Amino acid sequence: MSLIRVGTTYIPVAHVQRSTDWYVENLGAELNYQDEDKAILDLADQSFFLVKAGESASVNFIDAKGNTRFSLTFEVDGLQALEALQRELKERGVKVGEIEDRGHAGRNFVFHDVDGNMFDVWSELSKTYKARVGIE
């Protein structure tokens, strides 16, 4: 038995409609379903459930050194795509961090959604994904 892929990620949000609008407008997510308690979005080859939660709920966590960390990294295809995405998100008024060299292949930056959930973006598509979709 083996796990094949991650199909769904659940993200706590304070206001389902506000958050749905944010993901659709800023990240290009496609809305599949929405009610007062949740929205189901297609984004980055995955389903995201935006689930109504308390005002202080988030996907963020505190690491052993006391740093607030993200729990999810999106991938783009190359440094130019990373720079373009960072620039576009900044132009949209999204809270975006600087592009970082973390000592491994590629570069990253962090951004925050309207509820303060942090997400990472990496400039390298994984080898497994590239092979699956036929990218050299």
N, C-alpha and C. Protein backbone atom coordinates (compact mmCIF):
# COMPACT_ATOMS: atom_id res chain seq x y z
N MET A 1 0.84 -1.18 0.00
CA MET A 1 0.00 0.00 0.00
C MET A 1 0.88 1.24 0.00
N SER A 2 0.51 2.25 -0.79
CA SER A 2 1.25 3.49 -0.80
C SER A 2 0.31 4.66 -1.07
N LEU A 3 0.64 5.79 -0.48
CA LEU A 3 -0.12 7.00 -0.74
C LEU A 3 0.30 7.56 -2.09
N ILE A 4 -0.64 8.03 -2.87
CA ILE A 4 -0.35 8.50 -4.22
C ILE A 4 -0.16 10.01 -4.29
N ARG A 5 -1.07 10.77 -3.67
CA ARG A 5 -0.98 12.23 -3.74
C ARG A 5 -1.80 12.83 -2.61
N VAL A 6 -1.59 14.11 -2.38
CA VAL A 6 -2.44 14.86 -1.47
C VAL A 6 -3.59 15.39 -2.31
N GLY A 7 -4.82 15.07 -1.95
CA GLY A 7 -5.97 15.48 -2.73
C GLY A 7 -6.62 16.74 -2.22
N THR A 8 -6.65 16.92 -0.90
CA THR A 8 -7.37 18.05 -0.32
C THR A 8 -6.59 18.63 0.84
N THR A 9 -6.58 19.94 0.90
CA THR A 9 -6.01 20.67 2.03
C THR A 9 -7.12 21.52 2.63
N TYR A 10 -7.23 21.52 3.96
CA TYR A 10 -8.24 22.29 4.67
C TYR A 10 -7.59 23.53 5.27
N ILE A 11 -8.21 24.67 5.03
CA ILE A 11 -7.67 25.94 5.50
C ILE A 11 -8.73 26.64 6.35
N PRO A 12 -8.40 26.95 7.61
CA PRO A 12 -9.37 27.66 8.45
C PRO A 12 -9.47 29.12 8.03
N VAL A 13 -10.70 29.61 7.95
CA VAL A 13 -10.94 31.01 7.59
C VAL A 13 -12.01 31.59 8.52
N ALA A 14 -11.98 32.89 8.70
CA ALA A 14 -12.96 33.55 9.56
C ALA A 14 -14.27 33.81 8.82
N HIS A 15 -14.18 34.20 7.55
CA HIS A 15 -15.35 34.56 6.75
C HIS A 15 -15.24 33.85 5.40
N VAL A 16 -16.10 32.86 5.17
CA VAL A 16 -16.00 32.03 3.98
C VAL A 16 -16.08 32.86 2.70
N GLN A 17 -17.05 33.76 2.59
CA GLN A 17 -17.20 34.54 1.36
C GLN A 17 -16.00 35.43 1.11
N ARG A 18 -15.54 36.15 2.13
CA ARG A 18 -14.38 37.04 1.97
C ARG A 18 -13.16 36.25 1.53
N SER A 19 -12.93 35.11 2.16
CA SER A 19 -11.75 34.30 1.83
C SER A 19 -11.88 33.68 0.45
N THR A 20 -13.06 33.22 0.09
CA THR A 20 -13.28 32.68 -1.25
C THR A 20 -12.96 33.72 -2.30
N ASP A 21 -13.49 34.92 -2.12
CA ASP A 21 -13.21 36.00 -3.06
C ASP A 21 -11.71 36.26 -3.16
N TRP A 22 -11.00 36.25 -2.03
CA TRP A 22 -9.56 36.50 -2.01
C TRP A 22 -8.81 35.45 -2.82
N TYR A 23 -9.11 34.17 -2.60
CA TYR A 23 -8.41 33.09 -3.30
C TYR A 23 -8.70 33.11 -4.80
N VAL A 24 -9.94 33.41 -5.17
CA VAL A 24 -10.30 33.47 -6.58
C VAL A 24 -9.61 34.66 -7.25
N GLU A 25 -9.69 35.84 -6.62
CA GLU A 25 -9.14 37.05 -7.22
C GLU A 25 -7.61 37.10 -7.21
N ASN A 26 -6.98 36.64 -6.14
CA ASN A 26 -5.53 36.78 -6.01
C ASN A 26 -4.73 35.58 -6.47
N LEU A 27 -5.29 34.38 -6.37
CA LEU A 27 -4.53 33.18 -6.73
C LEU A 27 -5.12 32.44 -7.93
N GLY A 28 -6.24 32.93 -8.46
CA GLY A 28 -6.82 32.29 -9.62
C GLY A 28 -7.50 30.97 -9.33
N ALA A 29 -7.91 30.76 -8.07
CA ALA A 29 -8.60 29.52 -7.70
C ALA A 29 -9.95 29.46 -8.41
N GLU A 30 -10.43 28.25 -8.64
CA GLU A 30 -11.74 28.04 -9.25
C GLU A 30 -12.70 27.53 -8.18
N LEU A 31 -13.81 28.23 -8.01
CA LEU A 31 -14.81 27.85 -7.02
C LEU A 31 -15.66 26.71 -7.55
N ASN A 32 -15.75 25.63 -6.76
CA ASN A 32 -16.58 24.48 -7.12
C ASN A 32 -17.85 24.38 -6.30
N TYR A 33 -17.80 24.84 -5.06
CA TYR A 33 -18.95 24.73 -4.17
C TYR A 33 -18.76 25.71 -3.03
N GLN A 34 -19.87 26.25 -2.53
CA GLN A 34 -19.80 27.14 -1.37
C GLN A 34 -21.12 27.11 -0.62
N ASP A 35 -21.02 27.09 0.71
CA ASP A 35 -22.16 27.32 1.58
C ASP A 35 -21.67 28.19 2.73
N GLU A 36 -22.45 28.36 3.76
CA GLU A 36 -22.05 29.29 4.83
C GLU A 36 -20.88 28.78 5.68
N ASP A 37 -20.61 27.48 5.62
CA ASP A 37 -19.56 26.90 6.45
C ASP A 37 -18.28 26.55 5.72
N LYS A 38 -18.33 26.49 4.38
CA LYS A 38 -17.13 26.08 3.65
C LYS A 38 -17.24 26.48 2.19
N ALA A 39 -16.08 26.50 1.54
CA ALA A 39 -15.99 26.65 0.09
C ALA A 39 -14.99 25.61 -0.39
N ILE A 40 -15.25 25.05 -1.56
CA ILE A 40 -14.34 24.08 -2.16
C ILE A 40 -13.76 24.72 -3.41
N LEU A 41 -12.43 24.84 -3.43
CA LEU A 41 -11.73 25.49 -4.53
C LEU A 41 -10.76 24.52 -5.20
N ASP A 42 -10.57 24.68 -6.51
CA ASP A 42 -9.50 23.99 -7.23
C ASP A 42 -8.37 24.99 -7.37
N LEU A 43 -7.18 24.60 -6.95
CA LEU A 43 -6.01 25.45 -7.01
C LEU A 43 -4.77 24.58 -7.02
N ALA A 44 -3.87 24.82 -7.95
CA ALA A 44 -2.57 24.13 -8.00
C ALA A 44 -2.74 22.60 -8.01
N ASP A 45 -3.67 22.12 -8.85
CA ASP A 45 -3.86 20.68 -9.04
C ASP A 45 -4.30 19.98 -7.76
N GLN A 46 -5.10 20.67 -6.95
CA GLN A 46 -5.54 20.13 -5.67
C GLN A 46 -6.85 20.81 -5.27
N SER A 47 -7.61 20.18 -4.39
CA SER A 47 -8.80 20.80 -3.82
C SER A 47 -8.43 21.44 -2.49
N PHE A 48 -8.91 22.65 -2.29
CA PHE A 48 -8.75 23.35 -1.02
C PHE A 48 -10.12 23.61 -0.44
N PHE A 49 -10.32 23.20 0.81
CA PHE A 49 -11.56 23.50 1.51
C PHE A 49 -11.28 24.68 2.43
N LEU A 50 -11.96 25.78 2.22
CA LEU A 50 -11.90 26.91 3.14
C LEU A 50 -13.02 26.68 4.14
N VAL A 51 -12.65 26.42 5.39
CA VAL A 51 -13.61 26.02 6.41
C VAL A 51 -13.75 27.12 7.45
N LYS A 52 -15.00 27.52 7.72
CA LYS A 52 -15.25 28.56 8.71
C LYS A 52 -14.74 28.09 10.07
N ALA A 53 -13.90 28.93 10.68
CA ALA A 53 -13.29 28.61 11.97
C ALA A 53 -13.26 29.88 12.81
N GLY A 54 -12.70 29.79 13.98
CA GLY A 54 -12.59 30.97 14.85
C GLY A 54 -11.65 32.00 14.27
N GLU A 55 -11.79 33.23 14.72
CA GLU A 55 -10.98 34.35 14.21
C GLU A 55 -9.47 34.10 14.31
N SER A 56 -9.02 33.37 15.32
CA SER A 56 -7.58 33.20 15.53
C SER A 56 -7.03 31.89 14.95
N ALA A 57 -7.88 31.06 14.34
CA ALA A 57 -7.42 29.79 13.78
C ALA A 57 -6.58 30.04 12.53
N SER A 58 -5.53 29.23 12.34
CA SER A 58 -4.71 29.33 11.13
C SER A 58 -3.97 28.01 10.90
N VAL A 59 -3.40 27.88 9.72
CA VAL A 59 -2.59 26.71 9.40
C VAL A 59 -1.15 26.89 9.86
N ASN A 60 -0.82 28.05 10.38
CA ASN A 60 0.55 28.34 10.82
C ASN A 60 0.87 27.59 12.11
N PHE A 61 2.15 27.38 12.36
CA PHE A 61 2.58 26.77 13.61
C PHE A 61 3.89 27.41 14.06
N ILE A 62 4.22 27.22 15.32
CA ILE A 62 5.45 27.75 15.91
C ILE A 62 6.47 26.61 15.98
N ASP A 63 7.65 26.82 15.38
CA ASP A 63 8.67 25.78 15.41
C ASP A 63 9.42 25.78 16.74
N ALA A 64 10.38 24.89 16.89
CA ALA A 64 11.11 24.72 18.15
C ALA A 64 11.91 25.96 18.53
N LYS A 65 12.22 26.83 17.57
CA LYS A 65 12.98 28.05 17.87
C LYS A 65 12.07 29.26 18.06
N GLY A 66 10.74 29.03 18.04
CA GLY A 66 9.81 30.12 18.27
C GLY A 66 9.39 30.90 17.04
N ASN A 67 9.76 30.41 15.86
CA ASN A 67 9.41 31.08 14.61
C ASN A 67 8.05 30.60 14.10
N THR A 68 7.23 31.52 13.62
CA THR A 68 5.98 31.13 12.98
C THR A 68 6.29 30.58 11.60
N ARG A 69 5.73 29.41 11.30
CA ARG A 69 6.05 28.70 10.06
C ARG A 69 4.80 28.41 9.24
N PHE A 70 4.99 28.24 7.95
CA PHE A 70 3.94 27.82 7.03
C PHE A 70 3.88 26.30 7.03
N SER A 71 2.76 25.77 6.56
CA SER A 71 2.63 24.32 6.49
C SER A 71 2.48 23.80 5.07
N LEU A 72 2.58 24.70 4.09
CA LEU A 72 2.36 24.30 2.71
C LEU A 72 3.24 25.12 1.78
N THR A 73 3.88 24.44 0.82
CA THR A 73 4.70 25.11 -0.19
C THR A 73 4.12 24.85 -1.57
N PHE A 74 3.84 25.93 -2.29
CA PHE A 74 3.44 25.85 -3.70
C PHE A 74 4.71 25.84 -4.53
N GLU A 75 4.64 25.28 -5.74
CA GLU A 75 5.79 25.28 -6.65
C GLU A 75 5.44 26.04 -7.92
N VAL A 76 6.42 26.75 -8.45
CA VAL A 76 6.32 27.39 -9.77
C VAL A 76 7.50 26.89 -10.60
N ASP A 77 7.46 27.15 -11.90
CA ASP A 77 8.48 26.62 -12.80
C ASP A 77 9.57 27.64 -13.08
N GLY A 78 10.50 27.78 -12.15
CA GLY A 78 11.68 28.61 -12.36
C GLY A 78 11.67 29.94 -11.62
N LEU A 79 12.87 30.53 -11.56
CA LEU A 79 13.07 31.79 -10.85
C LEU A 79 12.27 32.93 -11.47
N GLN A 80 12.20 32.99 -12.79
CA GLN A 80 11.42 34.07 -13.43
C GLN A 80 9.95 33.97 -13.05
N ALA A 81 9.41 32.77 -12.99
CA ALA A 81 8.01 32.58 -12.59
C ALA A 81 7.81 32.98 -11.13
N LEU A 82 8.78 32.67 -10.29
CA LEU A 82 8.72 33.05 -8.88
C LEU A 82 8.71 34.56 -8.74
N GLU A 83 9.63 35.23 -9.45
CA GLU A 83 9.71 36.69 -9.38
C GLU A 83 8.43 37.34 -9.91
N ALA A 84 7.89 36.80 -11.00
CA ALA A 84 6.66 37.35 -11.58
C ALA A 84 5.49 37.19 -10.63
N LEU A 85 5.38 36.03 -9.99
CA LEU A 85 4.29 35.81 -9.04
C LEU A 85 4.42 36.74 -7.84
N GLN A 86 5.62 36.87 -7.30
CA GLN A 86 5.83 37.77 -6.17
C GLN A 86 5.42 39.19 -6.52
N ARG A 87 5.84 39.64 -7.69
CA ARG A 87 5.52 40.99 -8.15
C ARG A 87 4.00 41.17 -8.31
N GLU A 88 3.34 40.20 -8.92
CA GLU A 88 1.89 40.28 -9.13
C GLU A 88 1.14 40.30 -7.80
N LEU A 89 1.54 39.45 -6.86
CA LEU A 89 0.88 39.44 -5.56
C LEU A 89 1.07 40.78 -4.83
N LYS A 90 2.29 41.33 -4.90
CA LYS A 90 2.54 42.64 -4.30
C LYS A 90 1.63 43.70 -4.91
N GLU A 91 1.50 43.69 -6.23
CA GLU A 91 0.64 44.66 -6.93
C GLU A 91 -0.81 44.53 -6.51
N ARG A 92 -1.22 43.34 -6.11
CA ARG A 92 -2.59 43.10 -5.66
C ARG A 92 -2.79 43.45 -4.18
N GLY A 93 -1.70 43.87 -3.53
CA GLY A 93 -1.80 44.24 -2.12
C GLY A 93 -1.69 43.09 -1.15
N VAL A 94 -1.24 41.93 -1.63
CA VAL A 94 -1.06 40.76 -0.78
C VAL A 94 0.21 40.95 0.06
N LYS A 95 0.16 40.54 1.31
CA LYS A 95 1.35 40.58 2.17
C LYS A 95 2.33 39.51 1.69
N VAL A 96 3.48 39.96 1.19
CA VAL A 96 4.46 39.08 0.54
C VAL A 96 5.84 39.34 1.12
N GLY A 97 6.58 38.25 1.39
CA GLY A 97 7.95 38.38 1.87
C GLY A 97 8.93 38.50 0.72
N GLU A 98 10.18 38.71 1.06
CA GLU A 98 11.25 38.83 0.07
C GLU A 98 11.63 37.45 -0.45
N ILE A 99 12.21 37.41 -1.64
CA ILE A 99 12.72 36.16 -2.20
C ILE A 99 13.97 35.79 -1.41
N GLU A 100 14.02 34.53 -0.98
CA GLU A 100 15.09 34.06 -0.10
C GLU A 100 15.90 32.95 -0.74
N ASP A 101 17.18 32.90 -0.39
CA ASP A 101 18.05 31.77 -0.68
C ASP A 101 18.17 31.01 0.63
N ARG A 102 17.59 29.83 0.70
CA ARG A 102 17.58 29.04 1.94
C ARG A 102 18.64 27.95 1.95
N GLY A 103 19.59 28.03 1.02
CA GLY A 103 20.70 27.09 1.02
C GLY A 103 20.43 25.80 0.27
N HIS A 104 19.31 25.69 -0.40
CA HIS A 104 19.01 24.52 -1.22
C HIS A 104 18.70 24.99 -2.64
N ALA A 105 18.43 24.08 -3.53
CA ALA A 105 18.11 24.45 -4.92
C ALA A 105 16.92 25.41 -4.95
N GLY A 106 16.99 26.36 -5.84
CA GLY A 106 15.88 27.28 -6.03
C GLY A 106 15.80 28.38 -4.99
N ARG A 107 14.77 29.18 -5.11
CA ARG A 107 14.51 30.30 -4.20
C ARG A 107 13.06 30.22 -3.73
N ASN A 108 12.75 30.91 -2.65
CA ASN A 108 11.41 30.88 -2.06
C ASN A 108 10.98 32.27 -1.61
N PHE A 109 9.67 32.42 -1.46
CA PHE A 109 9.12 33.55 -0.71
C PHE A 109 7.85 33.09 -0.02
N VAL A 110 7.44 33.84 0.98
CA VAL A 110 6.25 33.54 1.76
C VAL A 110 5.21 34.61 1.50
N PHE A 111 3.94 34.20 1.45
CA PHE A 111 2.85 35.18 1.38
C PHE A 111 1.77 34.78 2.37
N HIS A 112 0.88 35.72 2.66
CA HIS A 112 -0.20 35.52 3.63
C HIS A 112 -1.54 35.73 2.96
N ASP A 113 -2.52 34.89 3.29
CA ASP A 113 -3.86 35.12 2.78
C ASP A 113 -4.57 36.16 3.66
N VAL A 114 -5.81 36.43 3.36
CA VAL A 114 -6.59 37.46 4.05
C VAL A 114 -6.82 37.12 5.53
N ASP A 115 -6.69 35.85 5.90
CA ASP A 115 -6.85 35.42 7.29
C ASP A 115 -5.53 35.27 8.03
N GLY A 116 -4.41 35.59 7.37
CA GLY A 116 -3.10 35.48 8.01
C GLY A 116 -2.45 34.12 7.86
N ASN A 117 -3.09 33.19 7.12
CA ASN A 117 -2.45 31.90 6.85
C ASN A 117 -1.23 32.14 5.97
N MET A 118 -0.10 31.55 6.36
CA MET A 118 1.15 31.71 5.61
C MET A 118 1.33 30.55 4.63
N PHE A 119 1.82 30.88 3.43
CA PHE A 119 2.15 29.87 2.44
C PHE A 119 3.50 30.21 1.83
N ASP A 120 4.23 29.18 1.46
CA ASP A 120 5.54 29.31 0.84
C ASP A 120 5.39 29.07 -0.66
N VAL A 121 6.27 29.68 -1.45
CA VAL A 121 6.35 29.40 -2.88
C VAL A 121 7.80 29.10 -3.20
N TRP A 122 8.04 28.01 -3.93
CA TRP A 122 9.37 27.55 -4.28
C TRP A 122 9.52 27.61 -5.80
N SER A 123 10.69 27.99 -6.27
CA SER A 123 10.92 28.17 -7.71
C SER A 123 11.20 26.88 -8.46
N GLU A 124 11.12 25.74 -7.81
CA GLU A 124 11.47 24.48 -8.45
C GLU A 124 10.30 23.52 -8.45
N LEU A 125 9.89 23.07 -9.63
CA LEU A 125 8.90 22.00 -9.70
C LEU A 125 9.59 20.68 -9.33
N SER A 126 8.91 19.85 -8.57
CA SER A 126 9.50 18.58 -8.16
C SER A 126 9.72 17.68 -9.38
N LYS A 127 10.74 16.84 -9.31
CA LYS A 127 11.08 15.94 -10.41
C LYS A 127 9.92 14.98 -10.70
N THR A 128 9.25 14.52 -9.67
CA THR A 128 8.12 13.60 -9.84
C THR A 128 6.99 14.27 -10.62
N TYR A 129 6.69 15.51 -10.27
CA TYR A 129 5.63 16.23 -10.98
C TYR A 129 6.02 16.47 -12.44
N LYS A 130 7.26 16.89 -12.66
CA LYS A 130 7.72 17.13 -14.02
C LYS A 130 7.59 15.87 -14.87
N ALA A 131 7.98 14.73 -14.32
CA ALA A 131 7.91 13.47 -15.05
C ALA A 131 6.45 13.12 -15.35
N ARG A 132 5.57 13.34 -14.41
CA ARG A 132 4.17 13.00 -14.58
C ARG A 132 3.50 13.81 -15.68
N VAL A 133 3.84 15.09 -15.78
CA VAL A 133 3.20 15.95 -16.76
C VAL A 133 4.05 16.16 -18.02
N GLY A 134 5.21 15.51 -18.09
CA GLY A 134 6.03 15.55 -19.30
C GLY A 134 6.81 16.84 -19.50
N ILE A 135 7.27 17.45 -18.40
CA ILE A 135 8.12 18.65 -18.48
C ILE A 135 9.56 18.23 -18.32
N GLU A 136 10.42 18.71 -19.22
CA GLU A 136 11.86 18.39 -19.13
C GLU A 136 12.55 19.34 -18.20
